Amino acid sequence: MSEYIINLVNDTDKEEAFEITGNNIAEVNVIDKNGNDITQNCRVQITLSKNALLGLGTELIRLAHEYKDGKHFHIEPISKGYVVQSMGIMLHPESCELIVGCGDYDSFTEYTKEEEL
């Protein structure tokens, strides 16, 4: 069994190992119930309890160490007849479905470079 040690005191002046290559990229898309991508016309708010932060963080670290491009998990909100815990969390009944997935991305420099004329 391997362990991942995290220093809980964050030194913002020091880059962590996962920050050095600049490819610690996340993509957030919002899809409406009709399947339309409404990402550019919305905001996303995720609010987690302390135990949800710990649970999700732990499961994300585990997922990172079992990484496979395209691997994903669907997390549905709890309801009276259906309580699902996935990725270390249970979604509030008024939440929408959350899909957490693995995807390979370029370094941030590819997304921020100026277009050549």
N, C-alpha and C. Protein backbone atom coordinates (compact mmCIF):
# COMPACT_ATOMS: atom_id res chain seq x y z
N MET A 1 0.84 -1.18 0.00
CA MET A 1 0.00 0.00 0.00
C MET A 1 0.89 1.24 0.00
N SER A 2 0.62 2.16 -0.91
CA SER A 2 1.41 3.39 -0.94
C SER A 2 0.67 4.49 -0.18
N GLU A 3 1.43 5.45 0.27
CA GLU A 3 0.86 6.58 1.00
C GLU A 3 1.23 7.86 0.30
N TYR A 4 0.37 8.86 0.41
CA TYR A 4 0.60 10.17 -0.16
C TYR A 4 0.58 11.14 1.00
N ILE A 5 1.69 11.81 1.23
CA ILE A 5 1.80 12.72 2.37
C ILE A 5 1.62 14.15 1.89
N ILE A 6 0.72 14.86 2.55
CA ILE A 6 0.42 16.25 2.20
C ILE A 6 0.77 17.13 3.38
N ASN A 7 1.60 18.14 3.14
CA ASN A 7 1.92 19.13 4.17
C ASN A 7 0.70 20.04 4.30
N LEU A 8 0.07 20.04 5.46
CA LEU A 8 -1.15 20.83 5.65
C LEU A 8 -0.89 22.33 5.78
N VAL A 9 0.36 22.71 5.96
CA VAL A 9 0.71 24.13 5.98
C VAL A 9 1.13 24.50 4.56
N ASN A 10 0.33 25.34 3.90
CA ASN A 10 0.57 25.71 2.51
C ASN A 10 1.52 26.90 2.43
N ASP A 11 2.64 26.71 1.78
CA ASP A 11 3.59 27.79 1.53
C ASP A 11 3.34 28.29 0.11
N THR A 12 2.61 29.40 -0.03
CA THR A 12 2.23 29.89 -1.35
C THR A 12 3.43 30.38 -2.17
N ASP A 13 4.58 30.56 -1.54
CA ASP A 13 5.77 30.99 -2.27
C ASP A 13 6.55 29.82 -2.85
N LYS A 14 6.15 28.60 -2.52
CA LYS A 14 6.86 27.42 -2.99
C LYS A 14 5.93 26.58 -3.87
N GLU A 15 6.43 26.24 -5.08
CA GLU A 15 5.64 25.39 -5.96
C GLU A 15 5.65 23.95 -5.44
N GLU A 16 4.48 23.33 -5.51
CA GLU A 16 4.38 21.93 -5.13
C GLU A 16 4.70 21.09 -6.37
N ALA A 17 5.00 19.82 -6.17
CA ALA A 17 5.42 18.94 -7.26
C ALA A 17 4.41 18.93 -8.41
N PHE A 18 3.12 18.93 -8.09
CA PHE A 18 2.11 18.86 -9.14
C PHE A 18 1.94 20.17 -9.90
N GLU A 19 2.51 21.26 -9.40
CA GLU A 19 2.40 22.57 -10.06
C GLU A 19 3.54 22.85 -11.03
N ILE A 20 4.63 22.17 -10.90
CA ILE A 20 5.87 22.52 -11.61
C ILE A 20 5.72 22.43 -13.13
N THR A 21 5.07 21.41 -13.65
CA THR A 21 4.95 21.24 -15.10
C THR A 21 3.87 22.12 -15.72
N GLY A 22 3.00 22.68 -14.91
CA GLY A 22 1.96 23.56 -15.45
C GLY A 22 0.83 22.83 -16.14
N ASN A 23 0.75 21.52 -15.96
CA ASN A 23 -0.35 20.79 -16.61
C ASN A 23 -1.35 20.28 -15.58
N ASN A 24 -1.48 21.00 -14.48
CA ASN A 24 -2.49 20.68 -13.47
C ASN A 24 -3.80 21.39 -13.85
N ILE A 25 -4.33 21.01 -15.01
CA ILE A 25 -5.46 21.67 -15.65
C ILE A 25 -6.75 20.94 -15.30
N ALA A 26 -7.79 21.69 -15.01
CA ALA A 26 -9.13 21.14 -14.81
C ALA A 26 -10.07 21.82 -15.78
N GLU A 27 -11.01 21.07 -16.30
CA GLU A 27 -12.02 21.63 -17.20
C GLU A 27 -13.39 21.41 -16.57
N VAL A 28 -14.20 22.46 -16.53
CA VAL A 28 -15.55 22.38 -15.99
C VAL A 28 -16.51 22.71 -17.11
N ASN A 29 -17.42 21.79 -17.39
CA ASN A 29 -18.46 22.01 -18.38
C ASN A 29 -19.81 21.87 -17.70
N VAL A 30 -20.77 22.67 -18.14
CA VAL A 30 -22.13 22.58 -17.61
C VAL A 30 -23.04 22.24 -18.78
N ILE A 31 -23.77 21.15 -18.61
CA ILE A 31 -24.67 20.66 -19.65
C ILE A 31 -26.09 20.73 -19.10
N ASP A 32 -27.02 21.35 -19.86
CA ASP A 32 -28.40 21.40 -19.38
C ASP A 32 -29.10 20.07 -19.63
N LYS A 33 -30.35 19.97 -19.17
CA LYS A 33 -31.08 18.70 -19.27
C LYS A 33 -31.35 18.28 -20.70
N ASN A 34 -31.22 19.20 -21.65
CA ASN A 34 -31.41 18.86 -23.06
C ASN A 34 -30.11 18.47 -23.74
N GLY A 35 -29.01 18.46 -22.99
CA GLY A 35 -27.72 18.08 -23.56
C GLY A 35 -26.94 19.23 -24.16
N ASN A 36 -27.42 20.48 -23.95
CA ASN A 36 -26.74 21.65 -24.50
C ASN A 36 -25.64 22.11 -23.55
N ASP A 37 -24.50 22.44 -24.10
CA ASP A 37 -23.38 22.97 -23.31
C ASP A 37 -23.66 24.43 -23.01
N ILE A 38 -23.88 24.77 -21.75
CA ILE A 38 -24.17 26.14 -21.34
C ILE A 38 -23.04 26.72 -20.48
N THR A 39 -21.85 26.15 -20.64
CA THR A 39 -20.70 26.53 -19.83
C THR A 39 -20.43 28.03 -19.85
N GLN A 40 -20.54 28.66 -21.01
CA GLN A 40 -20.20 30.08 -21.12
C GLN A 40 -21.25 31.00 -20.52
N ASN A 41 -22.42 30.46 -20.19
CA ASN A 41 -23.53 31.29 -19.68
C ASN A 41 -23.92 30.92 -18.26
N CYS A 42 -22.98 30.44 -17.47
CA CYS A 42 -23.33 30.03 -16.11
C CYS A 42 -22.14 30.16 -15.18
N ARG A 43 -22.42 29.94 -13.93
CA ARG A 43 -21.39 29.82 -12.91
C ARG A 43 -21.61 28.50 -12.20
N VAL A 44 -20.57 27.95 -11.65
CA VAL A 44 -20.67 26.70 -10.92
C VAL A 44 -20.26 26.96 -9.48
N GLN A 45 -21.08 26.52 -8.55
CA GLN A 45 -20.74 26.65 -7.13
C GLN A 45 -20.78 25.27 -6.51
N ILE A 46 -19.71 24.89 -5.86
CA ILE A 46 -19.65 23.63 -5.15
C ILE A 46 -19.37 23.95 -3.69
N THR A 47 -20.26 23.55 -2.81
CA THR A 47 -20.11 23.79 -1.38
C THR A 47 -20.02 22.43 -0.70
N LEU A 48 -18.96 22.24 0.08
CA LEU A 48 -18.73 20.94 0.72
C LEU A 48 -18.57 21.10 2.22
N SER A 49 -19.10 20.13 2.97
CA SER A 49 -18.84 20.09 4.41
C SER A 49 -17.38 19.71 4.61
N LYS A 50 -16.89 19.85 5.83
CA LYS A 50 -15.50 19.49 6.10
C LYS A 50 -15.24 18.03 5.77
N ASN A 51 -16.16 17.14 6.17
CA ASN A 51 -15.95 15.72 5.87
C ASN A 51 -16.08 15.44 4.39
N ALA A 52 -16.90 16.19 3.68
CA ALA A 52 -16.99 16.03 2.23
C ALA A 52 -15.68 16.47 1.57
N LEU A 53 -15.09 17.56 2.05
CA LEU A 53 -13.78 17.98 1.54
C LEU A 53 -12.73 16.90 1.75
N LEU A 54 -12.71 16.33 2.94
CA LEU A 54 -11.74 15.27 3.24
C LEU A 54 -12.03 14.03 2.40
N GLY A 55 -13.29 13.65 2.29
CA GLY A 55 -13.65 12.46 1.52
C GLY A 55 -13.34 12.61 0.05
N LEU A 56 -13.77 13.72 -0.55
CA LEU A 56 -13.51 13.95 -1.97
C LEU A 56 -12.02 14.09 -2.24
N GLY A 57 -11.33 14.84 -1.39
CA GLY A 57 -9.89 15.01 -1.56
C GLY A 57 -9.15 13.69 -1.51
N THR A 58 -9.53 12.84 -0.58
CA THR A 58 -8.91 11.52 -0.45
C THR A 58 -9.16 10.69 -1.70
N GLU A 59 -10.43 10.68 -2.16
CA GLU A 59 -10.76 9.88 -3.34
C GLU A 59 -10.11 10.43 -4.60
N LEU A 60 -9.96 11.74 -4.70
CA LEU A 60 -9.29 12.33 -5.86
C LEU A 60 -7.81 11.93 -5.89
N ILE A 61 -7.19 11.89 -4.73
CA ILE A 61 -5.79 11.45 -4.67
C ILE A 61 -5.69 9.99 -5.07
N ARG A 62 -6.61 9.17 -4.59
CA ARG A 62 -6.61 7.75 -5.00
C ARG A 62 -6.81 7.62 -6.50
N LEU A 63 -7.75 8.40 -7.05
CA LEU A 63 -8.01 8.35 -8.48
C LEU A 63 -6.77 8.77 -9.27
N ALA A 64 -6.06 9.79 -8.77
CA ALA A 64 -4.85 10.25 -9.45
C ALA A 64 -3.81 9.14 -9.54
N HIS A 65 -3.74 8.29 -8.53
CA HIS A 65 -2.75 7.22 -8.52
C HIS A 65 -3.22 5.98 -9.29
N GLU A 66 -4.49 5.98 -9.70
CA GLU A 66 -5.02 4.91 -10.55
C GLU A 66 -5.46 5.52 -11.89
N TYR A 67 -4.86 6.64 -12.27
CA TYR A 67 -5.27 7.46 -13.40
C TYR A 67 -5.38 6.67 -14.70
N LYS A 68 -6.46 6.90 -15.40
CA LYS A 68 -6.63 6.38 -16.75
C LYS A 68 -7.46 7.40 -17.51
N ASP A 69 -6.93 7.92 -18.60
CA ASP A 69 -7.65 8.93 -19.40
C ASP A 69 -9.05 8.40 -19.75
N GLY A 70 -10.05 9.19 -19.48
CA GLY A 70 -11.43 8.82 -19.78
C GLY A 70 -12.17 8.17 -18.63
N LYS A 71 -11.46 7.72 -17.61
CA LYS A 71 -12.12 7.12 -16.45
C LYS A 71 -12.98 8.18 -15.77
N HIS A 72 -14.19 7.83 -15.36
CA HIS A 72 -15.07 8.82 -14.74
C HIS A 72 -16.06 8.18 -13.78
N PHE A 73 -16.60 9.00 -12.92
CA PHE A 73 -17.58 8.58 -11.93
C PHE A 73 -18.78 9.52 -11.99
N HIS A 74 -19.97 8.96 -11.97
CA HIS A 74 -21.21 9.73 -11.89
C HIS A 74 -21.65 9.74 -10.42
N ILE A 75 -21.95 10.92 -9.92
CA ILE A 75 -22.42 11.05 -8.54
C ILE A 75 -23.79 11.72 -8.61
N GLU A 76 -24.80 11.00 -8.16
CA GLU A 76 -26.17 11.51 -8.22
C GLU A 76 -26.60 11.99 -6.84
N PRO A 77 -27.51 12.99 -6.79
CA PRO A 77 -28.00 13.49 -5.50
C PRO A 77 -28.74 12.40 -4.73
N ILE A 78 -28.68 12.50 -3.41
CA ILE A 78 -29.43 11.56 -2.59
C ILE A 78 -30.91 11.90 -2.65
N SER A 79 -31.74 10.88 -2.46
CA SER A 79 -33.18 11.07 -2.35
C SER A 79 -33.68 10.12 -1.28
N LYS A 80 -34.95 10.22 -0.91
CA LYS A 80 -35.46 9.38 0.17
C LYS A 80 -35.26 7.90 -0.10
N GLY A 81 -35.43 7.48 -1.34
CA GLY A 81 -35.29 6.07 -1.65
C GLY A 81 -33.96 5.68 -2.24
N TYR A 82 -33.05 6.65 -2.36
CA TYR A 82 -31.82 6.40 -3.10
C TYR A 82 -30.69 7.23 -2.52
N VAL A 83 -29.86 6.60 -1.70
CA VAL A 83 -28.73 7.29 -1.08
C VAL A 83 -27.45 6.69 -1.64
N VAL A 84 -26.71 7.50 -2.39
CA VAL A 84 -25.49 7.02 -3.02
C VAL A 84 -24.31 7.83 -2.51
N GLN A 85 -23.27 7.12 -2.12
CA GLN A 85 -22.02 7.77 -1.76
C GLN A 85 -20.99 7.34 -2.79
N SER A 86 -20.38 8.32 -3.44
CA SER A 86 -19.38 8.03 -4.45
C SER A 86 -18.29 9.09 -4.37
N MET A 87 -17.07 8.71 -4.63
CA MET A 87 -15.93 9.62 -4.58
C MET A 87 -15.84 10.32 -3.21
N GLY A 88 -16.25 9.61 -2.15
CA GLY A 88 -16.12 10.13 -0.79
C GLY A 88 -17.17 11.12 -0.36
N ILE A 89 -18.19 11.35 -1.20
CA ILE A 89 -19.22 12.33 -0.86
C ILE A 89 -20.62 11.80 -1.19
N MET A 90 -21.61 12.46 -0.59
CA MET A 90 -23.00 12.27 -0.96
C MET A 90 -23.52 13.65 -1.38
N LEU A 91 -24.15 13.73 -2.52
CA LEU A 91 -24.66 15.02 -3.00
C LEU A 91 -25.99 15.37 -2.33
N HIS A 92 -26.11 16.62 -1.97
CA HIS A 92 -27.33 17.16 -1.38
C HIS A 92 -28.50 16.91 -2.34
N PRO A 93 -29.72 16.70 -1.82
CA PRO A 93 -30.86 16.41 -2.69
C PRO A 93 -31.15 17.47 -3.75
N GLU A 94 -30.76 18.71 -3.50
CA GLU A 94 -31.03 19.77 -4.47
C GLU A 94 -29.87 20.00 -5.44
N SER A 95 -28.88 19.12 -5.41
CA SER A 95 -27.75 19.21 -6.32
C SER A 95 -28.12 18.60 -7.67
N CYS A 96 -27.32 18.91 -8.66
CA CYS A 96 -27.43 18.22 -9.94
C CYS A 96 -26.39 17.09 -9.95
N GLU A 97 -26.51 16.19 -10.90
CA GLU A 97 -25.54 15.12 -11.04
C GLU A 97 -24.16 15.74 -11.27
N LEU A 98 -23.16 15.12 -10.68
CA LEU A 98 -21.77 15.56 -10.85
C LEU A 98 -21.00 14.41 -11.48
N ILE A 99 -20.26 14.70 -12.53
CA ILE A 99 -19.41 13.70 -13.16
C ILE A 99 -17.96 14.14 -12.97
N VAL A 100 -17.18 13.29 -12.33
CA VAL A 100 -15.76 13.56 -12.11
C VAL A 100 -15.00 12.63 -13.05
N GLY A 101 -14.15 13.21 -13.89
CA GLY A 101 -13.45 12.40 -14.87
C GLY A 101 -11.98 12.74 -14.99
N CYS A 102 -11.26 11.84 -15.61
CA CYS A 102 -9.83 12.02 -15.88
C CYS A 102 -9.66 12.42 -17.34
N GLY A 103 -8.85 13.43 -17.60
CA GLY A 103 -8.56 13.85 -18.96
C GLY A 103 -7.17 14.44 -19.06
N ASP A 104 -6.48 14.11 -20.12
CA ASP A 104 -5.14 14.65 -20.34
C ASP A 104 -5.22 16.02 -21.00
N TYR A 105 -4.43 16.97 -20.53
CA TYR A 105 -4.41 18.32 -21.06
C TYR A 105 -2.97 18.76 -21.28
N ASP A 106 -2.82 19.77 -22.15
CA ASP A 106 -1.51 20.37 -22.36
C ASP A 106 -1.15 21.24 -21.16
N SER A 107 0.05 21.76 -21.18
CA SER A 107 0.48 22.73 -20.18
C SER A 107 -0.31 24.02 -20.36
N PHE A 108 -0.45 24.79 -19.29
CA PHE A 108 -1.19 26.05 -19.38
C PHE A 108 -0.61 26.98 -20.44
N THR A 109 0.67 26.84 -20.75
CA THR A 109 1.28 27.73 -21.75
C THR A 109 0.63 27.57 -23.12
N GLU A 110 0.12 26.38 -23.42
CA GLU A 110 -0.57 26.15 -24.69
C GLU A 110 -1.90 26.90 -24.76
N TYR A 111 -2.54 27.12 -23.62
CA TYR A 111 -3.84 27.78 -23.58
C TYR A 111 -3.72 29.30 -23.45
N THR A 112 -2.55 29.77 -23.07
CA THR A 112 -2.39 31.20 -22.80
C THR A 112 -1.46 31.91 -23.77
N LYS A 113 -0.84 31.16 -24.69
CA LYS A 113 0.11 31.81 -25.60
C LYS A 113 -0.64 32.68 -26.61
N GLU A 114 0.05 33.73 -27.03
CA GLU A 114 -0.49 34.66 -28.01
C GLU A 114 -0.50 34.01 -29.39
N GLU A 115 -1.54 34.27 -30.14
CA GLU A 115 -1.60 33.73 -31.51
C GLU A 115 -0.57 34.44 -32.37
N GLU A 116 0.08 33.66 -33.22
CA GLU A 116 1.06 34.24 -34.14
C GLU A 116 0.35 34.91 -35.30
N LEU A 117 0.87 36.07 -35.69
CA LEU A 117 0.27 36.80 -36.81
C LEU A 117 0.87 36.40 -38.13
